Structures are given as C-alpha cells and as structure tokens.
C-alpha atoms as a PDB file:
ATOM      1  CA  MET A   1       0.086  -0.008  -0.380  1.00  0.00           C
ATOM      2  CA  GLU A   2       1.024   3.972  -0.925  1.00  0.00           C
ATOM      3  CA  THR A   3      -0.876   6.641   0.327  1.00  0.00           C
ATOM      4  CA  VAL A   4      -0.634   9.642   1.724  1.00  0.00           C
ATOM      5  CA  THR A   5      -2.482  10.413   5.420  1.00  0.00           C
ATOM      6  CA  GLY A   6      -5.803  11.706   5.728  1.00  0.00           C
ATOM      7  CA  HIS A   7      -8.806   9.870   7.355  1.00  0.00           C
ATOM      8  CA  GLY A   8      -9.306   6.923   4.756  1.00  0.00           C
ATOM      9  CA  THR A   9      -5.554   5.295   5.921  1.00  0.00           C
ATOM     10  CA  LEU A  10      -6.889   3.396   8.769  1.00  0.00           C
ATOM     11  CA  ASP A  11      -9.437   1.837   6.713  1.00  0.00           C
ATOM     12  CA  GLU A  12      -6.822   1.397   3.614  1.00  0.00           C
ATOM     13  CA  ILE A  13      -4.450  -0.421   6.363  1.00  0.00           C
ATOM     14  CA  GLN A  14      -7.872  -2.671   7.284  1.00  0.00           C
ATOM     15  CA  GLN A  15      -8.125  -3.965   3.510  1.00  0.00           C
ATOM     16  CA  THR A  16      -4.584  -3.874   3.533  1.00  0.00           C
ATOM     17  CA  LEU A  17      -4.388  -6.397   6.325  1.00  0.00           C
ATOM     18  CA  ASP A  18      -7.930  -8.206   4.909  1.00  0.00           C
ATOM     19  CA  LEU A  19      -6.651  -9.260   1.341  1.00  0.00           C
ATOM     20  CA  LEU A  20      -3.183 -10.282   3.911  1.00  0.00           C
ATOM     21  CA  TRP A  21      -5.698 -12.581   5.213  1.00  0.00           C
ATOM     22  CA  ASP A  22      -7.003 -14.074   2.281  1.00  0.00           C
ATOM     23  CA  ARG A  23      -4.288 -15.662   0.750  1.00  0.00           C
ATOM     24  CA  HIS A  24      -2.960 -16.687   4.229  1.00  0.00           C
ATOM     25  CA  PRO A  25      -5.666 -18.470   6.335  1.00  0.00           C
ATOM     26  CA  GLU A  26      -2.737 -20.097   8.670  1.00  0.00           C
ATOM     27  CA  VAL A  27      -2.748 -17.043  10.250  1.00  0.00           C
ATOM     28  CA  SER A  28      -4.708 -17.805  13.309  1.00  0.00           C
ATOM     29  CA  ALA A  29      -7.282 -15.483  14.532  1.00  0.00           C
ATOM     30  CA  MET A  30      -5.345 -13.798  17.594  1.00  0.00           C
ATOM     31  CA  ALA A  31      -2.322 -13.830  15.870  1.00  0.00           C
ATOM     32  CA  ARG A  32      -4.781 -12.111  12.835  1.00  0.00           C
ATOM     33  CA  MET A  33      -6.856  -9.553  15.603  1.00  0.00           C
ATOM     34  CA  HIS A  34      -3.141  -8.750  17.326  1.00  0.00           C
ATOM     35  CA  MET A  35      -1.426  -7.611  14.539  1.00  0.00           C
ATOM     36  CA  GLU A  36      -4.517  -5.663  13.336  1.00  0.00           C
ATOM     37  CA  LEU A  37      -4.515  -3.510  16.208  1.00  0.00           C
ATOM     38  CA  ALA A  38      -0.874  -3.326  16.109  1.00  0.00           C
ATOM     39  CA  ALA A  39      -0.428  -1.569  12.865  1.00  0.00           C
ATOM     40  CA  CYS A  40      -3.728   0.135  13.350  1.00  0.00           C
ATOM     41  CA  GLU A  41      -2.252   2.059  16.599  1.00  0.00           C
ATOM     42  CA  ILE A  42       1.148   2.600  15.171  1.00  0.00           C
ATOM     43  CA  GLY A  43      -0.337   3.267  11.190  1.00  0.00           C
ATOM     44  CA  ALA A  44      -3.145   6.232  13.986  1.00  0.00           C
ATOM     45  CA  ASN A  45       0.648   7.440  15.340  1.00  0.00           C
ATOM     46  CA  ILE A  46       2.734   8.070  11.656  1.00  0.00           C
ATOM     47  CA  CYS A  47      -0.719  10.539  10.558  1.00  0.00           C
ATOM     48  CA  LYS A  48      -1.371  11.989  13.994  1.00  0.00           C
ATOM     49  CA  HIS A  49       1.997  12.313  14.999  1.00  0.00           C
ATOM     50  CA  SER A  50       5.122  12.576  11.772  1.00  0.00           C
ATOM     51  CA  GLY A  51       3.878  15.052   9.233  1.00  0.00           C
ATOM     52  CA  GLY A  52       3.588  17.684  12.261  1.00  0.00           C
ATOM     53  CA  GLY A  53      -0.888  18.307  11.207  1.00  0.00           C
ATOM     54  CA  GLN A  54       0.409  18.005   7.299  1.00  0.00           C
ATOM     55  CA  PRO A  55      -0.365  14.710   6.108  1.00  0.00           C
ATOM     56  CA  VAL A  56       3.083  13.016   4.951  1.00  0.00           C
ATOM     57  CA  GLY A  57       3.655   9.614   2.718  1.00  0.00           C
ATOM     58  CA  MET A  58       3.495   6.796   3.447  1.00  0.00           C
ATOM     59  CA  ARG A  59       3.888   2.941   2.420  1.00  0.00           C
ATOM     60  CA  MET A  60       2.781  -0.458   4.141  1.00  0.00           C
ATOM     61  CA  LYS A  61       3.622  -3.753   3.251  1.00  0.00           C
ATOM     62  CA  ALA A  62       2.278  -7.008   4.741  1.00  0.00           C
ATOM     63  CA  GLU A  63       4.020  -9.991   4.060  1.00  0.00           C
ATOM     64  CA  VAL A  64       3.525 -13.802   6.196  1.00  0.00           C
ATOM     65  CA  SER A  65       7.309 -15.413   6.229  1.00  0.00           C
ATOM     66  CA  GLY A  66       8.555 -18.388   7.489  1.00  0.00           C
ATOM     67  CA  SER A  67       6.042 -18.353  10.883  1.00  0.00           C
ATOM     68  CA  ASN A  68       5.577 -14.661  11.411  1.00  0.00           C
ATOM     69  CA  VAL A  69       3.621 -11.892  10.528  1.00  0.00           C
ATOM     70  CA  ARG A  70       5.798  -9.612   9.492  1.00  0.00           C
ATOM     71  CA  VAL A  71       4.096  -5.714   8.509  1.00  0.00           C
ATOM     72  CA  SER A  72       6.093  -2.354   7.608  1.00  0.00           C
ATOM     73  CA  PHE A  73       5.784   0.971   7.145  1.00  0.00           C
ATOM     74  CA  ALA A  74       7.548   4.081   6.660  1.00  0.00           C
ATOM     75  CA  ASP A  75       6.360   7.679   6.074  1.00  0.00           C
ATOM     76  CA  ASP A  76       8.227  10.535   5.757  1.00  0.00           C
ATOM     77  CA  GLY A  77       6.919  12.575   7.987  1.00  0.00           C
ATOM     78  CA  GLN A  78       8.856  14.112  10.735  1.00  0.00           C
ATOM     79  CA  LEU A  79      11.636  12.537  12.695  1.00  0.00           C
ATOM     80  CA  ALA A  80       9.769  10.901  15.396  1.00  0.00           C
ATOM     81  CA  GLU A  81      11.215  10.444  19.288  1.00  0.00           C
ATOM     82  CA  VAL A  82      11.258   7.432  19.451  1.00  0.00           C
ATOM     83  CA  ARG A  83      12.300   5.041  22.179  1.00  0.00           C
ATOM     84  CA  LEU A  84      10.074   1.991  22.945  1.00  0.00           C
ATOM     85  CA  ASP A  85      12.986   0.484  25.589  1.00  0.00           C
ATOM     86  CA  ALA A  86      11.369   3.296  28.083  1.00  0.00           C
ATOM     87  CA  VAL A  87       7.076   2.839  26.104  1.00  0.00           C
ATOM     88  CA  THR A  88       5.081   2.359  29.383  1.00  0.00           C
ATOM     89  CA  MET A  89       1.454   2.168  29.578  1.00  0.00           C
ATOM     90  CA  PRO A  90       0.272   5.560  31.230  1.00  0.00           C
ATOM     91  CA  SER A  91      -2.177   5.558  33.854  1.00  0.00           C
ATOM     92  CA  ASP A  92      -5.547   4.280  34.233  1.00  0.00           C
ATOM     93  CA  THR A  93      -7.415   8.065  34.016  1.00  0.00           C
ATOM     94  CA  ALA A  94      -4.353   9.365  30.755  1.00  0.00           C
ATOM     95  CA  GLU A  95      -6.836  10.119  27.424  1.00  0.00           C
ATOM     96  CA  GLN A  96      -3.825   8.721  25.173  1.00  0.00           C
ATOM     97  CA  GLY A  97      -1.068   7.637  24.816  1.00  0.00           C
ATOM     98  CA  ARG A  98      -1.552   3.401  24.873  1.00  0.00           C
ATOM     99  CA  GLY A  99      -0.925   2.566  20.959  1.00  0.00           C
ATOM    100  CA  LEU A 100       2.991   1.955  20.828  1.00  0.00           C
ATOM    101  CA  ALA A 101       2.240   0.269  24.810  1.00  0.00           C
ATOM    102  CA  ILE A 102      -0.246  -1.741  23.577  1.00  0.00           C
ATOM    103  CA  ALA A 103       1.540  -2.479  20.513  1.00  0.00           C
ATOM    104  CA  VAL A 104       5.127  -4.010  22.586  1.00  0.00           C
ATOM    105  CA  ALA A 105       2.753  -5.833  24.386  1.00  0.00           C
ATOM    106  CA  ILE A 106       1.450  -7.630  21.815  1.00  0.00           C
ATOM    107  CA  LEU A 107       3.970  -8.101  19.039  1.00  0.00           C
ATOM    108  CA  ASP A 108       6.616 -10.902  19.475  1.00  0.00           C
ATOM    109  CA  LYS A 109       9.231  -7.501  17.094  1.00  0.00           C
ATOM    110  CA  LEU A 110       8.501  -3.741  17.493  1.00  0.00           C
ATOM    111  CA  SER A 111      11.926  -1.741  16.057  1.00  0.00           C
ATOM    112  CA  PHE A 112      11.469   1.747  15.152  1.00  0.00           C
ATOM    113  CA  ARG A 113      14.763   3.289  13.300  1.00  0.00           C
ATOM    114  CA  ARG A 114      15.562   6.525  10.688  1.00  0.00           C
ATOM    115  CA  ASP A 115      17.007   6.113   7.827  1.00  0.00           C
ATOM    116  CA  ALA A 116      17.364   8.309   4.743  1.00  0.00           C
ATOM    117  CA  ALA A 117      14.809  11.253   6.439  1.00  0.00           C
ATOM    118  CA  VAL A 118      12.828   7.743   6.650  1.00  0.00           C
ATOM    119  CA  ASN A 119      10.727   6.788   9.580  1.00  0.00           C
ATOM    120  CA  ARG A 120      10.496   2.507   8.876  1.00  0.00           C
ATOM    121  CA  TRP A 121       9.119   0.775  11.209  1.00  0.00           C
ATOM    122  CA  THR A 122       9.648  -3.205  11.557  1.00  0.00           C
ATOM    123  CA  LEU A 123       6.067  -5.132  13.317  1.00  0.00           C
ATOM    124  CA  VAL A 124       6.682  -9.103  13.835  1.00  0.00           C
ATOM    125  CA  ARG A 125       3.975 -11.300  15.326  1.00  0.00           C
ATOM    126  CA  ARG A 126       4.135 -15.065  14.817  1.00  0.00           C
ATOM    127  CA  LEU A 127       1.617 -17.245  12.944  1.00  0.00           C
ATOM    128  CA  SER A 128      -0.304 -19.005  15.790  1.00  0.00           C
ATOM    129  CA  ASP A 129      -0.189 -19.273  20.070  1.00  0.00           C
END
C-alpha cells in the first residue's frame, strides 16, 4: 500500500491486512487480531504525529514469511523521537498514549529506525499461538 495520510488511512491499513488474511488462512485468529490492532495503532501514530498536523507519504508492506506475519511502515514525515525500551502504559485516567505500549505488549517484535529522512517501523507477530 502506498498513500498520503488522511481520513481513510486506517481503512486502507485494514483493507491491506484483509487481503493478506485472504491469502494466508494459516494465520491464527489471535495473530490476526494482534497484528491488526498494532498496525492500526502505529498507523494512527504516523497520521497524527509524523507530519506535524500535515499529511505525509506512507508505505505499508504486509507479508507472511516463515512462521511470522511482518508489517512494515515507512513515512517521509518528521523525525520521530521514539524509545521503545522506555514505553510504558499510561495511568488509567490518561486519555491517550496507550498505542505504543499496546503494540509492544502484543507483538513479538516492534522496531523503529530513522533512515535517510524516512521513519521505518517493523512489526512482527508469530502466525499461531
């Protein structure tokens, strides 16, 4: 998927994953649910934060490789200040800030790097439980 972020971006992410699930029925329901949740959380963060309020170019690749589902995002937005090792769940009364903590908790691997003016996210979840 290649797009410019906007109101329909999360729907595009879900449609891309739906196509992957159609081709790979071996992916467990739990793995699908976890990957969908994490991918939409990361996608929402890209939409909200990467462009400083402006749309950014975003690419998403979703694949089943070996025993894993892998989703990668690349966006040309501002440098994201991300320290995944410091991510914690906010207080129960907080109105935001749970997305990265949820993704870290439900994925087998979540990584971020900035490479040649591009933010790159990689999400990995095993196919079955």
